[in-house]
């Protein structure tokens, strides 16, 4: 029993699947970049409002803004880890994961 040669339509289907997979990867990378951009825009705002609340002595606002700051920090860690899954730069990934671990320990 010999193996049958793949048909031309099977070859076209495989080629089409590779093309669609490549397109999907490109769209996924773009989505990750957009997510990173959105998360890292004005990263100092949660910290600034927390500092201002502390400066004025408003304990209720400090508690509220501390939660906002913690949520934002956790979101940055999540986005950083997502970006790491998309990167081939081993040294960069190690640095980002180390920084993420430091943020998680602080929060």
N, C-alpha and C. Protein backbone atom coordinates (compact mmCIF):
# COMPACT_ATOMS: atom_id res chain seq x y z
N UNK A 1 0.83 -1.18 0.00
CA UNK A 1 0.00 0.00 0.00
C UNK A 1 0.87 1.24 0.00
N UNK A 2 0.73 2.05 -0.97
CA UNK A 2 1.49 3.29 -1.05
C UNK A 2 0.66 4.46 -0.58
N UNK A 3 1.32 5.50 -0.22
CA UNK A 3 0.60 6.72 0.21
C UNK A 3 0.09 7.45 -1.01
N UNK A 4 -1.08 7.96 -0.89
CA UNK A 4 -1.65 8.76 -1.98
C UNK A 4 -1.03 10.14 -1.97
N UNK A 5 -0.85 10.68 -3.15
CA UNK A 5 -0.34 12.04 -3.27
C UNK A 5 -1.45 13.02 -2.89
N UNK A 6 -1.09 14.06 -2.16
CA UNK A 6 -2.12 15.04 -1.81
C UNK A 6 -2.69 15.68 -3.07
N UNK A 7 -3.96 15.90 -3.04
CA UNK A 7 -4.60 16.50 -4.21
C UNK A 7 -4.31 18.00 -4.27
N UNK A 8 -4.54 18.55 -5.42
CA UNK A 8 -4.30 19.98 -5.61
C UNK A 8 -5.22 20.80 -4.70
N UNK A 9 -6.46 20.33 -4.51
CA UNK A 9 -7.38 21.08 -3.65
C UNK A 9 -6.93 21.04 -2.19
N UNK A 10 -6.31 19.93 -1.77
CA UNK A 10 -5.79 19.84 -0.41
C UNK A 10 -4.62 20.80 -0.25
N UNK A 11 -3.75 20.86 -1.23
CA UNK A 11 -2.62 21.79 -1.19
C UNK A 11 -3.13 23.23 -1.08
N UNK A 12 -4.15 23.57 -1.86
CA UNK A 12 -4.71 24.92 -1.81
C UNK A 12 -5.34 25.20 -0.44
N UNK A 13 -6.01 24.21 0.10
CA UNK A 13 -6.64 24.38 1.42
C UNK A 13 -5.58 24.60 2.50
N UNK A 14 -4.49 23.86 2.43
CA UNK A 14 -3.40 24.03 3.40
C UNK A 14 -2.77 25.40 3.25
N UNK A 15 -2.54 25.81 2.02
CA UNK A 15 -1.96 27.12 1.76
C UNK A 15 -2.89 28.23 2.29
N UNK A 16 -4.19 28.06 2.07
CA UNK A 16 -5.18 29.02 2.55
C UNK A 16 -5.16 29.08 4.09
N UNK A 17 -5.05 27.91 4.74
CA UNK A 17 -5.02 27.85 6.20
C UNK A 17 -3.78 28.57 6.74
N UNK A 18 -2.63 28.38 6.11
CA UNK A 18 -1.41 29.07 6.52
C UNK A 18 -1.58 30.58 6.39
N UNK A 19 -2.19 31.00 5.29
CA UNK A 19 -2.41 32.43 5.06
C UNK A 19 -3.32 33.02 6.13
N UNK A 20 -4.40 32.33 6.44
CA UNK A 20 -5.34 32.81 7.46
C UNK A 20 -4.71 32.80 8.84
N UNK A 21 -3.88 31.82 9.13
CA UNK A 21 -3.18 31.76 10.41
C UNK A 21 -2.23 32.94 10.54
N UNK A 22 -1.54 33.26 9.46
CA UNK A 22 -0.62 34.40 9.45
C UNK A 22 -1.40 35.69 9.69
N UNK A 23 -2.54 35.83 9.03
CA UNK A 23 -3.39 37.02 9.22
C UNK A 23 -3.88 37.11 10.67
N UNK A 24 -4.27 35.98 11.22
CA UNK A 24 -4.74 35.96 12.60
C UNK A 24 -3.64 36.37 13.57
N UNK A 25 -2.43 35.87 13.36
CA UNK A 25 -1.30 36.26 14.20
C UNK A 25 -1.04 37.76 14.11
N UNK A 26 -1.11 38.30 12.92
CA UNK A 26 -0.90 39.74 12.72
C UNK A 26 -1.97 40.54 13.48
N UNK A 27 -3.21 40.12 13.39
CA UNK A 27 -4.29 40.80 14.09
C UNK A 27 -4.13 40.68 15.60
N UNK A 28 -3.69 39.53 16.05
CA UNK A 28 -3.46 39.32 17.48
C UNK A 28 -2.36 40.23 17.99
N UNK A 29 -1.26 40.33 17.23
CA UNK A 29 -0.17 41.23 17.61
C UNK A 29 -0.66 42.67 17.68
N UNK A 30 -1.46 43.08 16.71
CA UNK A 30 -1.99 44.44 16.70
C UNK A 30 -2.88 44.67 17.92
N UNK A 31 -3.70 43.68 18.27
CA UNK A 31 -4.56 43.81 19.44
C UNK A 31 -3.74 43.94 20.72
N UNK A 32 -2.66 43.17 20.82
CA UNK A 32 -1.79 43.25 21.99
C UNK A 32 -1.13 44.62 22.06
N UNK A 33 -0.64 45.11 20.94
CA UNK A 33 -0.01 46.43 20.92
C UNK A 33 -1.02 47.50 21.32
N UNK A 34 -2.24 47.43 20.82
CA UNK A 34 -3.28 48.39 21.20
C UNK A 34 -3.56 48.31 22.70
N UNK A 35 -3.63 47.10 23.22
CA UNK A 35 -3.89 46.88 24.64
C UNK A 35 -2.75 47.47 25.48
N UNK A 36 -1.52 47.24 25.06
CA UNK A 36 -0.36 47.79 25.77
C UNK A 36 -0.41 49.31 25.73
N UNK A 37 -0.67 49.86 24.57
CA UNK A 37 -0.73 51.32 24.43
C UNK A 37 -1.79 51.92 25.34
N UNK A 38 -2.96 51.33 25.34
CA UNK A 38 -4.04 51.83 26.20
C UNK A 38 -3.67 51.75 27.68
N UNK A 39 -3.02 50.69 28.07
CA UNK A 39 -2.69 50.49 29.49
C UNK A 39 -1.56 51.38 29.96
N UNK A 40 -0.65 51.72 29.07
CA UNK A 40 0.51 52.49 29.49
C UNK A 40 0.38 53.98 29.24
N UNK A 41 -0.74 54.43 28.68
CA UNK A 41 -0.96 55.85 28.52
C UNK A 41 -1.25 56.47 29.88
N UNK A 42 -0.59 57.53 30.19
CA UNK A 42 -0.79 58.26 31.44
C UNK A 42 -0.78 57.34 32.65
N UNK A 43 0.27 56.57 32.76
CA UNK A 43 0.37 55.61 33.87
C UNK A 43 0.55 56.29 35.22
N UNK A 44 0.92 57.55 35.21
CA UNK A 44 1.14 58.23 36.48
C UNK A 44 -0.14 58.79 37.10
N UNK A 45 -1.24 58.82 36.38
CA UNK A 45 -2.48 59.41 36.89
C UNK A 45 -2.95 58.72 38.17
N UNK A 46 -3.05 57.38 38.22
CA UNK A 46 -3.50 56.77 39.48
C UNK A 46 -2.58 57.11 40.66
N UNK A 47 -1.31 57.20 40.41
CA UNK A 47 -0.37 57.55 41.48
C UNK A 47 -0.54 59.01 41.89
N UNK A 48 -0.70 59.90 40.92
CA UNK A 48 -0.83 61.32 41.23
C UNK A 48 -2.08 61.62 42.07
N UNK A 49 -3.21 61.01 41.72
CA UNK A 49 -4.43 61.25 42.51
C UNK A 49 -4.30 60.63 43.90
N UNK A 50 -3.60 59.52 44.01
CA UNK A 50 -3.37 58.90 45.32
C UNK A 50 -2.48 59.81 46.18
N UNK A 51 -1.43 60.34 45.61
CA UNK A 51 -0.53 61.25 46.33
C UNK A 51 -1.28 62.51 46.76
N UNK A 52 -2.08 63.06 45.87
CA UNK A 52 -2.84 64.27 46.21
C UNK A 52 -3.83 64.02 47.34
N UNK A 53 -4.50 62.89 47.32
CA UNK A 53 -5.42 62.54 48.41
C UNK A 53 -4.67 62.40 49.73
N UNK A 54 -3.49 61.80 49.67
CA UNK A 54 -2.68 61.66 50.88
C UNK A 54 -2.19 63.03 51.36
N UNK A 55 -1.81 63.88 50.42
CA UNK A 55 -1.31 65.21 50.76
C UNK A 55 -2.37 66.04 51.48
N UNK A 56 -3.63 65.89 51.04
CA UNK A 56 -4.72 66.65 51.66
C UNK A 56 -5.25 65.99 52.93
N UNK A 57 -4.79 64.77 53.19
CA UNK A 57 -5.20 64.08 54.42
C UNK A 57 -6.59 63.44 54.33
N UNK A 58 -7.09 63.24 53.15
CA UNK A 58 -8.42 62.66 52.97
C UNK A 58 -8.30 61.13 52.95
N UNK A 59 -8.55 60.53 54.12
CA UNK A 59 -8.36 59.08 54.26
C UNK A 59 -9.30 58.27 53.36
N UNK A 60 -10.53 58.75 53.21
CA UNK A 60 -11.48 58.02 52.37
C UNK A 60 -10.99 57.98 50.92
N UNK A 61 -10.53 59.11 50.42
CA UNK A 61 -10.01 59.15 49.05
C UNK A 61 -8.73 58.35 48.92
N UNK A 62 -7.90 58.36 49.95
CA UNK A 62 -6.67 57.57 49.91
C UNK A 62 -7.03 56.10 49.73
N UNK A 63 -8.01 55.62 50.49
CA UNK A 63 -8.43 54.22 50.37
C UNK A 63 -8.98 53.93 48.98
N UNK A 64 -9.82 54.83 48.47
CA UNK A 64 -10.41 54.64 47.14
C UNK A 64 -9.33 54.64 46.06
N UNK A 65 -8.44 55.63 46.10
CA UNK A 65 -7.41 55.75 45.07
C UNK A 65 -6.33 54.68 45.21
N UNK A 66 -6.16 54.17 46.42
CA UNK A 66 -5.23 53.05 46.60
C UNK A 66 -5.75 51.83 45.85
N UNK A 67 -7.05 51.61 45.90
CA UNK A 67 -7.65 50.50 45.14
C UNK A 67 -7.49 50.72 43.64
N UNK A 68 -7.72 51.96 43.19
CA UNK A 68 -7.57 52.27 41.77
C UNK A 68 -6.13 52.05 41.35
N UNK A 69 -5.18 52.50 42.19
CA UNK A 69 -3.76 52.33 41.88
C UNK A 69 -3.40 50.86 41.80
N UNK A 70 -3.89 50.06 42.75
CA UNK A 70 -3.60 48.62 42.76
C UNK A 70 -4.20 47.94 41.53
N UNK A 71 -5.43 48.29 41.19
CA UNK A 71 -6.05 47.71 39.99
C UNK A 71 -5.27 48.07 38.74
N UNK A 72 -4.82 49.33 38.67
CA UNK A 72 -4.05 49.76 37.50
C UNK A 72 -2.71 49.02 37.44
N UNK A 73 -2.05 48.87 38.57
CA UNK A 73 -0.78 48.15 38.60
C UNK A 73 -0.98 46.70 38.17
N UNK A 74 -2.04 46.08 38.64
CA UNK A 74 -2.34 44.70 38.24
C UNK A 74 -2.62 44.60 36.75
N UNK A 75 -3.29 45.60 36.20
CA UNK A 75 -3.57 45.63 34.76
C UNK A 75 -2.27 45.76 33.97
N UNK A 76 -1.35 46.60 34.46
CA UNK A 76 -0.06 46.74 33.79
C UNK A 76 0.70 45.43 33.79
N UNK A 77 0.65 44.71 34.90
CA UNK A 77 1.32 43.41 34.99
C UNK A 77 0.69 42.44 33.99
N UNK A 78 -0.64 42.43 33.94
CA UNK A 78 -1.35 41.54 33.01
C UNK A 78 -0.96 41.83 31.56
N UNK A 79 -0.94 43.09 31.22
CA UNK A 79 -0.60 43.49 29.84
C UNK A 79 0.87 43.18 29.54
N UNK A 80 1.74 43.43 30.52
CA UNK A 80 3.16 43.14 30.32
C UNK A 80 3.36 41.64 30.07
N UNK A 81 2.68 40.81 30.85
CA UNK A 81 2.81 39.37 30.66
C UNK A 81 2.24 38.92 29.31
N UNK A 82 1.17 39.55 28.89
CA UNK A 82 0.60 39.25 27.58
C UNK A 82 1.59 39.61 26.48
N UNK A 83 2.23 40.77 26.61
CA UNK A 83 3.22 41.18 25.63
C UNK A 83 4.39 40.19 25.61
N UNK A 84 4.75 39.67 26.77
CA UNK A 84 5.85 38.69 26.84
C UNK A 84 5.52 37.43 26.06
N UNK A 85 4.27 37.03 26.07
CA UNK A 85 3.90 35.82 25.34
C UNK A 85 4.02 36.00 23.84
N UNK A 86 4.02 37.26 23.41
CA UNK A 86 4.09 37.55 21.97
C UNK A 86 5.51 37.87 21.51
N UNK A 87 6.46 37.92 22.44
CA UNK A 87 7.81 38.36 22.11
C UNK A 87 8.77 37.19 21.96
N UNK A 88 9.74 37.38 21.07
CA UNK A 88 10.82 36.41 20.90
C UNK A 88 12.11 36.88 21.56
N UNK A 89 12.09 38.06 22.15
CA UNK A 89 13.27 38.65 22.78
C UNK A 89 13.41 38.11 24.20
N UNK A 90 14.25 37.10 24.37
CA UNK A 90 14.37 36.43 25.66
C UNK A 90 14.83 37.35 26.77
N UNK A 91 15.84 38.19 26.49
CA UNK A 91 16.34 39.11 27.52
C UNK A 91 15.26 40.12 27.91
N UNK A 92 14.56 40.64 26.92
CA UNK A 92 13.49 41.60 27.19
C UNK A 92 12.38 40.97 28.01
N UNK A 93 12.02 39.75 27.66
CA UNK A 93 10.97 39.04 28.39
C UNK A 93 11.39 38.82 29.84
N UNK A 94 12.65 38.44 30.06
CA UNK A 94 13.13 38.24 31.43
C UNK A 94 13.03 39.53 32.24
N UNK A 95 13.43 40.65 31.63
CA UNK A 95 13.37 41.93 32.34
C UNK A 95 11.93 42.32 32.67
N UNK A 96 11.04 42.15 31.71
CA UNK A 96 9.65 42.53 31.92
C UNK A 96 9.01 41.63 32.98
N UNK A 97 9.30 40.34 32.91
CA UNK A 97 8.74 39.42 33.92
C UNK A 97 9.29 39.73 35.32
N UNK A 98 10.57 40.11 35.40
CA UNK A 98 11.15 40.48 36.69
C UNK A 98 10.46 41.73 37.23
N UNK A 99 10.29 42.74 36.37
CA UNK A 99 9.61 43.97 36.79
C UNK A 99 8.18 43.68 37.21
N UNK A 100 7.50 42.82 36.48
CA UNK A 100 6.13 42.45 36.82
C UNK A 100 6.06 41.78 38.18
N UNK A 101 7.01 40.90 38.45
CA UNK A 101 7.05 40.23 39.75
C UNK A 101 7.27 41.24 40.87
N UNK A 102 8.12 42.22 40.61
CA UNK A 102 8.37 43.26 41.62
C UNK A 102 7.08 44.06 41.90
N UNK A 103 6.36 44.40 40.86
CA UNK A 103 5.10 45.14 41.03
C UNK A 103 4.11 44.30 41.81
N UNK A 104 4.00 43.03 41.47
CA UNK A 104 3.07 42.15 42.19
C UNK A 104 3.42 42.06 43.67
N UNK A 105 4.71 42.00 43.99
CA UNK A 105 5.11 41.96 45.39
C UNK A 105 4.78 43.25 46.12
N UNK A 106 4.91 44.38 45.44
CA UNK A 106 4.62 45.65 46.06
C UNK A 106 3.13 45.88 46.28
N UNK A 107 2.34 45.34 45.39
CA UNK A 107 0.90 45.56 45.48
C UNK A 107 0.25 44.42 46.20
